[in-house]
Amino acid sequence: DIPVEAELGKVGGKEDDGPAVEGESPYTDPDQAQ
């Protein structure tokens, strides 16, 4: 009973100490999301 959030698509910039996201389409594809 622990919910899980996932991510699909690219949220730009640099989160925490992870890699920066640049030069990629930032949008989630609706078909892929389903």
All heavy atoms as atom14 arrays in JSON, in Angstrom:
{
  "sequence": "DIPVEAELGKVGGKEDDGPAVEGESPYTDPDQAQ",
  "atom14_mask": [
    [1, 1, 1, 1, 1, 1, 1, 1, 0, 0, 0, 0, 0, 0],
    [1, 1, 1, 1, 1, 1, 1, 1, 0, 0, 0, 0, 0, 0],
    [1, 1, 1, 1, 1, 1, 1, 0, 0, 0, 0, 0, 0, 0],
    [1, 1, 1, 1, 1, 1, 1, 0, 0, 0, 0, 0, 0, 0],
    [1, 1, 1, 1, 1, 1, 1, 1, 1, 0, 0, 0, 0, 0],
    [1, 1, 1, 1, 1, 0, 0, 0, 0, 0, 0, 0, 0, 0],
    [1, 1, 1, 1, 1, 1, 1, 1, 1, 0, 0, 0, 0, 0],
    [1, 1, 1, 1, 1, 1, 1, 1, 0, 0, 0, 0, 0, 0],
    [1, 1, 1, 1, 0, 0, 0, 0, 0, 0, 0, 0, 0, 0],
    [1, 1, 1, 1, 1, 1, 1, 1, 1, 0, 0, 0, 0, 0],
    [1, 1, 1, 1, 1, 1, 1, 0, 0, 0, 0, 0, 0, 0],
    [1, 1, 1, 1, 0, 0, 0, 0, 0, 0, 0, 0, 0, 0],
    [1, 1, 1, 1, 0, 0, 0, 0, 0, 0, 0, 0, 0, 0],
    [1, 1, 1, 1, 1, 1, 1, 1, 1, 0, 0, 0, 0, 0],
    [1, 1, 1, 1, 1, 1, 1, 1, 1, 0, 0, 0, 0, 0],
    [1, 1, 1, 1, 1, 1, 1, 1, 0, 0, 0, 0, 0, 0],
    [1, 1, 1, 1, 1, 1, 1, 1, 0, 0, 0, 0, 0, 0],
    [1, 1, 1, 1, 0, 0, 0, 0, 0, 0, 0, 0, 0, 0],
    [1, 1, 1, 1, 1, 1, 1, 0, 0, 0, 0, 0, 0, 0],
    [1, 1, 1, 1, 1, 0, 0, 0, 0, 0, 0, 0, 0, 0],
    [1, 1, 1, 1, 1, 1, 1, 0, 0, 0, 0, 0, 0, 0],
    [1, 1, 1, 1, 1, 1, 1, 1, 1, 0, 0, 0, 0, 0],
    [1, 1, 1, 1, 0, 0, 0, 0, 0, 0, 0, 0, 0, 0],
    [1, 1, 1, 1, 1, 1, 1, 1, 1, 0, 0, 0, 0, 0],
    [1, 1, 1, 1, 1, 1, 0, 0, 0, 0, 0, 0, 0, 0],
    [1, 1, 1, 1, 1, 1, 1, 0, 0, 0, 0, 0, 0, 0],
    [1, 1, 1, 1, 1, 1, 1, 1, 1, 1, 1, 1, 0, 0],
    [1, 1, 1, 1, 1, 1, 1, 0, 0, 0, 0, 0, 0, 0],
    [1, 1, 1, 1, 1, 1, 1, 1, 0, 0, 0, 0, 0, 0],
    [1, 1, 1, 1, 1, 1, 1, 0, 0, 0, 0, 0, 0, 0],
    [1, 1, 1, 1, 1, 1, 1, 1, 0, 0, 0, 0, 0, 0],
    [1, 1, 1, 1, 1, 1, 1, 1, 1, 0, 0, 0, 0, 0],
    [1, 1, 1, 1, 1, 0, 0, 0, 0, 0, 0, 0, 0, 0],
    [1, 1, 1, 1, 1, 1, 1, 1, 1, 0, 0, 0, 0, 0]
  ],
  "atom14_positions": [
    [[0.82, -1.22, 0.0], [0.0, 0.0, 0.0], [0.85, 1.27, 0.0], [0.46, 2.29, 0.58], [-0.96, 0.02, 1.2], [-2.06, -1.03, 1.04], [-2.48, -1.27, -0.09], [-2.48, -1.6, 2.06], [0.0, 0.0, 0.0], [0.0, 0.0, 0.0], [0.0, 0.0, 0.0], [0.0, 0.0, 0.0], [0.0, 0.0, 0.0], [0.0, 0.0, 0.0]],
    [[2.0, 1.2, -0.64], [2.85, 2.38, -0.81], [2.76, 2.81, -2.27], [3.17, 2.07, -3.16], [4.31, 2.09, -0.42], [4.38, 1.73, 1.06], [5.19, 3.29, -0.73], [5.77, 1.36, 1.53], [0.0, 0.0, 0.0], [0.0, 0.0, 0.0], [0.0, 0.0, 0.0], [0.0, 0.0, 0.0], [0.0, 0.0, 0.0], [0.0, 0.0, 0.0]],
    [[2.19, 3.98, -2.54], [2.03, 4.43, -3.93], [3.37, 4.77, -4.58], [4.32, 5.18, -3.9], [1.14, 5.67, -3.8], [1.32, 6.14, -2.4], [1.61, 4.93, -1.58], [0.0, 0.0, 0.0], [0.0, 0.0, 0.0], [0.0, 0.0, 0.0], [0.0, 0.0, 0.0], [0.0, 0.0, 0.0], [0.0, 0.0, 0.0], [0.0, 0.0, 0.0]],
    [[3.4, 4.62, -5.89], [4.63, 4.85, -6.66], [4.37, 5.89, -7.74], [3.5, 5.71, -8.6], [5.13, 3.55, -7.32], [6.37, 3.83, -8.18], [5.43, 2.5, -6.26], [0.0, 0.0, 0.0], [0.0, 0.0, 0.0], [0.0, 0.0, 0.0], [0.0, 0.0, 0.0], [0.0, 0.0, 0.0], [0.0, 0.0, 0.0], [0.0, 0.0, 0.0]],
    [[5.13, 6.97, -7.68], [5.12, 7.98, -8.74], [6.2, 7.62, -9.75], [7.3, 7.21, -9.37], [5.38, 9.36, -8.16], [5.46, 10.48, -9.19], [5.79, 11.83, -8.56], [5.42, 12.07, -7.39], [6.45, 12.65, -9.24], [0.0, 0.0, 0.0], [0.0, 0.0, 0.0], [0.0, 0.0, 0.0], [0.0, 0.0, 0.0], [0.0, 0.0, 0.0]],
    [[5.89, 7.78, -11.02], [6.87, 7.54, -12.07], [6.97, 8.79, -12.94], [6.18, 9.73, -12.79], [6.46, 6.34, -12.91], [0.0, 0.0, 0.0], [0.0, 0.0, 0.0], [0.0, 0.0, 0.0], [0.0, 0.0, 0.0], [0.0, 0.0, 0.0], [0.0, 0.0, 0.0], [0.0, 0.0, 0.0], [0.0, 0.0, 0.0], [0.0, 0.0, 0.0]],
    [[7.94, 8.82, -13.83], [8.08, 9.97, -14.72], [8.28, 9.49, -16.15], [9.05, 8.57, -16.41], [9.27, 10.86, -14.31], [9.41, 12.1, -15.17], [10.45, 13.09, -14.65], [10.59, 13.21, -13.42], [11.12, 13.74, -15.49], [0.0, 0.0, 0.0], [0.0, 0.0, 0.0], [0.0, 0.0, 0.0], [0.0, 0.0, 0.0], [0.0, 0.0, 0.0]],
    [[7.57, 10.15, -17.05], [7.68, 9.85, -18.47], [7.77, 11.17, -19.21], [6.94, 12.07, -19.0], [6.46, 9.06, -18.96], [6.48, 8.61, -20.41], [7.63, 7.63, -20.67], [5.16, 7.97, -20.8], [0.0, 0.0, 0.0], [0.0, 0.0, 0.0], [0.0, 0.0, 0.0], [0.0, 0.0, 0.0], [0.0, 0.0, 0.0], [0.0, 0.0, 0.0]],
    [[8.76, 11.29, -20.07], [9.02, 12.57, -20.71], [10.21, 13.21, -20.03], [10.82, 12.64, -19.13], [0.0, 0.0, 0.0], [0.0, 0.0, 0.0], [0.0, 0.0, 0.0], [0.0, 0.0, 0.0], [0.0, 0.0, 0.0], [0.0, 0.0, 0.0], [0.0, 0.0, 0.0], [0.0, 0.0, 0.0], [0.0, 0.0, 0.0], [0.0, 0.0, 0.0]],
    [[10.54, 14.42, -20.43], [11.73, 15.08, -19.91], [11.37, 16.41, -19.26], [10.92, 17.34, -19.93], [12.75, 15.33, -21.03], [13.15, 14.09, -21.82], [13.95, 13.12, -20.97], [14.41, 11.92, -21.8], [15.16, 10.94, -21.0], [0.0, 0.0, 0.0], [0.0, 0.0, 0.0], [0.0, 0.0, 0.0], [0.0, 0.0, 0.0], [0.0, 0.0, 0.0]],
    [[11.56, 16.47, -17.94], [11.47, 17.76, -17.26], [12.86, 18.37, -17.34], [13.83, 17.78, -16.88], [11.03, 17.59, -15.79], [10.98, 18.95, -15.1], [9.67, 16.93, -15.74], [0.0, 0.0, 0.0], [0.0, 0.0, 0.0], [0.0, 0.0, 0.0], [0.0, 0.0, 0.0], [0.0, 0.0, 0.0], [0.0, 0.0, 0.0], [0.0, 0.0, 0.0]],
    [[12.96, 19.54, -17.96], [14.27, 20.12, -18.27], [15.04, 20.55, -17.03], [14.6, 20.4, -15.9], [0.0, 0.0, 0.0], [0.0, 0.0, 0.0], [0.0, 0.0, 0.0], [0.0, 0.0, 0.0], [0.0, 0.0, 0.0], [0.0, 0.0, 0.0], [0.0, 0.0, 0.0], [0.0, 0.0, 0.0], [0.0, 0.0, 0.0], [0.0, 0.0, 0.0]],
    [[16.22, 21.12, -17.26], [17.04, 21.61, -16.18], [17.78, 20.5, -15.47], [17.96, 19.4, -15.99], [0.0, 0.0, 0.0], [0.0, 0.0, 0.0], [0.0, 0.0, 0.0], [0.0, 0.0, 0.0], [0.0, 0.0, 0.0], [0.0, 0.0, 0.0], [0.0, 0.0, 0.0], [0.0, 0.0, 0.0], [0.0, 0.0, 0.0], [0.0, 0.0, 0.0]],
    [[18.21, 20.8, -14.25], [19.03, 19.87, -13.47], [18.38, 19.65, -12.12], [18.25, 20.57, -11.32], [20.44, 20.42, -13.29], [21.39, 19.51, -12.54], [22.77, 20.15, -12.49], [23.74, 19.35, -11.64], [23.97, 18.0, -12.15], [0.0, 0.0, 0.0], [0.0, 0.0, 0.0], [0.0, 0.0, 0.0], [0.0, 0.0, 0.0], [0.0, 0.0, 0.0]],
    [[17.94, 18.43, -11.87], [17.33, 18.08, -10.59], [18.38, 17.52, -9.65], [19.03, 16.52, -9.95], [16.21, 17.04, -10.8], [15.73, 16.36, -9.53], [15.12, 17.33, -8.54], [14.5, 18.31, -8.98], [15.28, 17.12, -7.33], [0.0, 0.0, 0.0], [0.0, 0.0, 0.0], [0.0, 0.0, 0.0], [0.0, 0.0, 0.0], [0.0, 0.0, 0.0]],
    [[18.59, 18.22, -8.51], [19.47, 17.72, -7.47], [20.87, 17.53, -8.05], [21.43, 18.43, -8.67], [18.88, 16.41, -6.93], [19.35, 16.08, -5.54], [19.47, 17.02, -4.74], [19.57, 14.9, -5.24], [0.0, 0.0, 0.0], [0.0, 0.0, 0.0], [0.0, 0.0, 0.0], [0.0, 0.0, 0.0], [0.0, 0.0, 0.0], [0.0, 0.0, 0.0]],
    [[21.46, 16.34, -7.88], [22.79, 16.09, -8.43], [22.73, 15.17, -9.65], [23.71, 14.55, -10.03], [23.72, 15.5, -7.37], [23.15, 14.25, -6.7], [22.04, 13.83, -7.09], [23.82, 13.71, -5.8], [0.0, 0.0, 0.0], [0.0, 0.0, 0.0], [0.0, 0.0, 0.0], [0.0, 0.0, 0.0], [0.0, 0.0, 0.0], [0.0, 0.0, 0.0]],
    [[21.55, 15.09, -10.26], [21.39, 14.27, -11.46], [21.83, 15.02, -12.7], [22.23, 16.18, -12.65], [0.0, 0.0, 0.0], [0.0, 0.0, 0.0], [0.0, 0.0, 0.0], [0.0, 0.0, 0.0], [0.0, 0.0, 0.0], [0.0, 0.0, 0.0], [0.0, 0.0, 0.0], [0.0, 0.0, 0.0], [0.0, 0.0, 0.0], [0.0, 0.0, 0.0]],
    [[21.76, 14.37, -13.86], [22.2, 15.01, -15.11], [21.21, 16.06, -15.58], [20.0, 15.97, -15.34], [22.25, 13.82, -16.09], [21.23, 12.87, -15.56], [21.3, 12.98, -14.07], [0.0, 0.0, 0.0], [0.0, 0.0, 0.0], [0.0, 0.0, 0.0], [0.0, 0.0, 0.0], [0.0, 0.0, 0.0], [0.0, 0.0, 0.0], [0.0, 0.0, 0.0]],
    [[21.72, 17.1, -16.22], [20.86, 18.12, -16.8], [20.22, 17.57, -18.07], [20.81, 16.75, -18.78], [21.67, 19.37, -17.12], [0.0, 0.0, 0.0], [0.0, 0.0, 0.0], [0.0, 0.0, 0.0], [0.0, 0.0, 0.0], [0.0, 0.0, 0.0], [0.0, 0.0, 0.0], [0.0, 0.0, 0.0], [0.0, 0.0, 0.0], [0.0, 0.0, 0.0]],
    [[19.01, 18.01, -18.33], [18.3, 17.59, -19.53], [18.3, 18.73, -20.52], [17.72, 19.79, -20.26], [16.84, 17.17, -19.21], [16.09, 16.82, -20.48], [16.83, 15.99, -18.25], [0.0, 0.0, 0.0], [0.0, 0.0, 0.0], [0.0, 0.0, 0.0], [0.0, 0.0, 0.0], [0.0, 0.0, 0.0], [0.0, 0.0, 0.0], [0.0, 0.0, 0.0]],
    [[18.98, 18.56, -21.64], [19.06, 19.61, -22.64], [18.97, 18.98, -24.03], [19.39, 17.86, -24.25], [20.38, 20.39, -22.52], [20.54, 21.13, -21.19], [21.89, 21.81, -21.07], [22.75, 21.55, -21.94], [22.09, 22.58, -20.13], [0.0, 0.0, 0.0], [0.0, 0.0, 0.0], [0.0, 0.0, 0.0], [0.0, 0.0, 0.0], [0.0, 0.0, 0.0]],
    [[18.4, 19.73, -24.94], [18.4, 19.31, -26.33], [17.48, 18.16, -26.67], [17.61, 17.56, -27.73], [0.0, 0.0, 0.0], [0.0, 0.0, 0.0], [0.0, 0.0, 0.0], [0.0, 0.0, 0.0], [0.0, 0.0, 0.0], [0.0, 0.0, 0.0], [0.0, 0.0, 0.0], [0.0, 0.0, 0.0], [0.0, 0.0, 0.0], [0.0, 0.0, 0.0]],
    [[16.55, 17.81, -25.77], [15.61, 16.74, -26.04], [14.2, 17.29, -26.0], [13.93, 18.31, -25.39], [15.75, 15.63, -25.01], [17.13, 14.98, -24.96], [17.19, 13.86, -23.94], [16.4, 12.9, -24.09], [17.99, 13.94, -23.01], [0.0, 0.0, 0.0], [0.0, 0.0, 0.0], [0.0, 0.0, 0.0], [0.0, 0.0, 0.0], [0.0, 0.0, 0.0]],
    [[13.28, 16.59, -26.66], [11.89, 16.99, -26.59], [11.42, 16.9, -25.15], [11.56, 15.85, -24.51], [11.01, 16.09, -27.47], [9.64, 16.4, -27.26], [0.0, 0.0, 0.0], [0.0, 0.0, 0.0], [0.0, 0.0, 0.0], [0.0, 0.0, 0.0], [0.0, 0.0, 0.0], [0.0, 0.0, 0.0], [0.0, 0.0, 0.0], [0.0, 0.0, 0.0]],
    [[10.86, 17.97, -24.6], [10.49, 17.97, -23.19], [9.12, 17.36, -22.92], [8.72, 17.27, -21.76], [10.49, 19.46, -22.85], [10.06, 20.13, -24.12], [10.68, 19.3, -25.23], [0.0, 0.0, 0.0], [0.0, 0.0, 0.0], [0.0, 0.0, 0.0], [0.0, 0.0, 0.0], [0.0, 0.0, 0.0], [0.0, 0.0, 0.0], [0.0, 0.0, 0.0]],
    [[8.41, 16.96, -23.97], [7.01, 16.61, -23.79], [6.77, 15.11, -23.7], [7.39, 14.3, -24.39], [6.17, 17.19, -24.94], [6.35, 18.68, -25.09], [6.77, 19.22, -26.3], [6.12, 19.53, -24.01], [6.95, 20.6, -26.42], [6.29, 20.89, -24.13], [6.71, 21.43, -25.34], [6.9, 22.78, -25.45], [0.0, 0.0, 0.0], [0.0, 0.0, 0.0]],
    [[5.84, 14.75, -22.82], [5.4, 13.37, -22.69], [4.47, 13.02, -23.84], [3.54, 13.78, -24.15], [4.67, 13.16, -21.35], [5.55, 13.49, -20.29], [4.17, 11.74, -21.21], [0.0, 0.0, 0.0], [0.0, 0.0, 0.0], [0.0, 0.0, 0.0], [0.0, 0.0, 0.0], [0.0, 0.0, 0.0], [0.0, 0.0, 0.0], [0.0, 0.0, 0.0]],
    [[4.71, 11.88, -24.47], [3.86, 11.43, -25.55], [2.59, 10.8, -24.96], [2.68, 9.85, -24.17], [4.61, 10.4, -26.4], [3.78, 9.89, -27.56], [2.97, 8.96, -27.35], [3.93, 10.43, -28.67], [0.0, 0.0, 0.0], [0.0, 0.0, 0.0], [0.0, 0.0, 0.0], [0.0, 0.0, 0.0], [0.0, 0.0, 0.0], [0.0, 0.0, 0.0]],
    [[1.41, 11.29, -25.31], [0.16, 10.76, -24.72], [-0.04, 9.28, -24.97], [-0.52, 8.56, -24.08], [-0.92, 11.6, -25.41], [-0.24, 12.88, -25.78], [1.15, 12.46, -26.17], [0.0, 0.0, 0.0], [0.0, 0.0, 0.0], [0.0, 0.0, 0.0], [0.0, 0.0, 0.0], [0.0, 0.0, 0.0], [0.0, 0.0, 0.0], [0.0, 0.0, 0.0]],
    [[0.3, 8.79, -26.16], [0.13, 7.37, -26.45], [1.06, 6.52, -25.57], [0.65, 5.49, -25.03], [0.42, 7.08, -27.92], [-0.63, 7.67, -28.85], [-1.8, 7.77, -28.41], [-0.3, 8.04, -29.98], [0.0, 0.0, 0.0], [0.0, 0.0, 0.0], [0.0, 0.0, 0.0], [0.0, 0.0, 0.0], [0.0, 0.0, 0.0], [0.0, 0.0, 0.0]],
    [[2.3, 6.98, -25.43], [3.23, 6.27, -24.57], [2.77, 6.31, -23.12], [2.94, 5.35, -22.38], [4.63, 6.87, -24.7], [5.37, 6.5, -25.97], [6.84, 6.9, -25.91], [7.24, 7.76, -25.12], [7.65, 6.28, -26.74], [0.0, 0.0, 0.0], [0.0, 0.0, 0.0], [0.0, 0.0, 0.0], [0.0, 0.0, 0.0], [0.0, 0.0, 0.0]],
    [[2.19, 7.44, -22.71], [1.72, 7.58, -21.33], [0.67, 6.52, -21.01], [0.7, 5.9, -19.94], [1.15, 8.98, -21.1], [0.0, 0.0, 0.0], [0.0, 0.0, 0.0], [0.0, 0.0, 0.0], [0.0, 0.0, 0.0], [0.0, 0.0, 0.0], [0.0, 0.0, 0.0], [0.0, 0.0, 0.0], [0.0, 0.0, 0.0], [0.0, 0.0, 0.0]],
    [[-0.25, 6.3, -21.92], [-1.29, 5.3, -21.7], [-0.68, 3.92, -21.56], [-1.02, 3.16, -20.63], [-2.29, 5.32, -22.85], [-3.43, 4.32, -22.69], [-4.45, 4.42, -23.81], [-4.37, 5.29, -24.67], [-5.42, 3.52, -23.8], [0.0, 0.0, 0.0], [0.0, 0.0, 0.0], [0.0, 0.0, 0.0], [0.0, 0.0, 0.0], [0.0, 0.0, 0.0]]
  ]
}
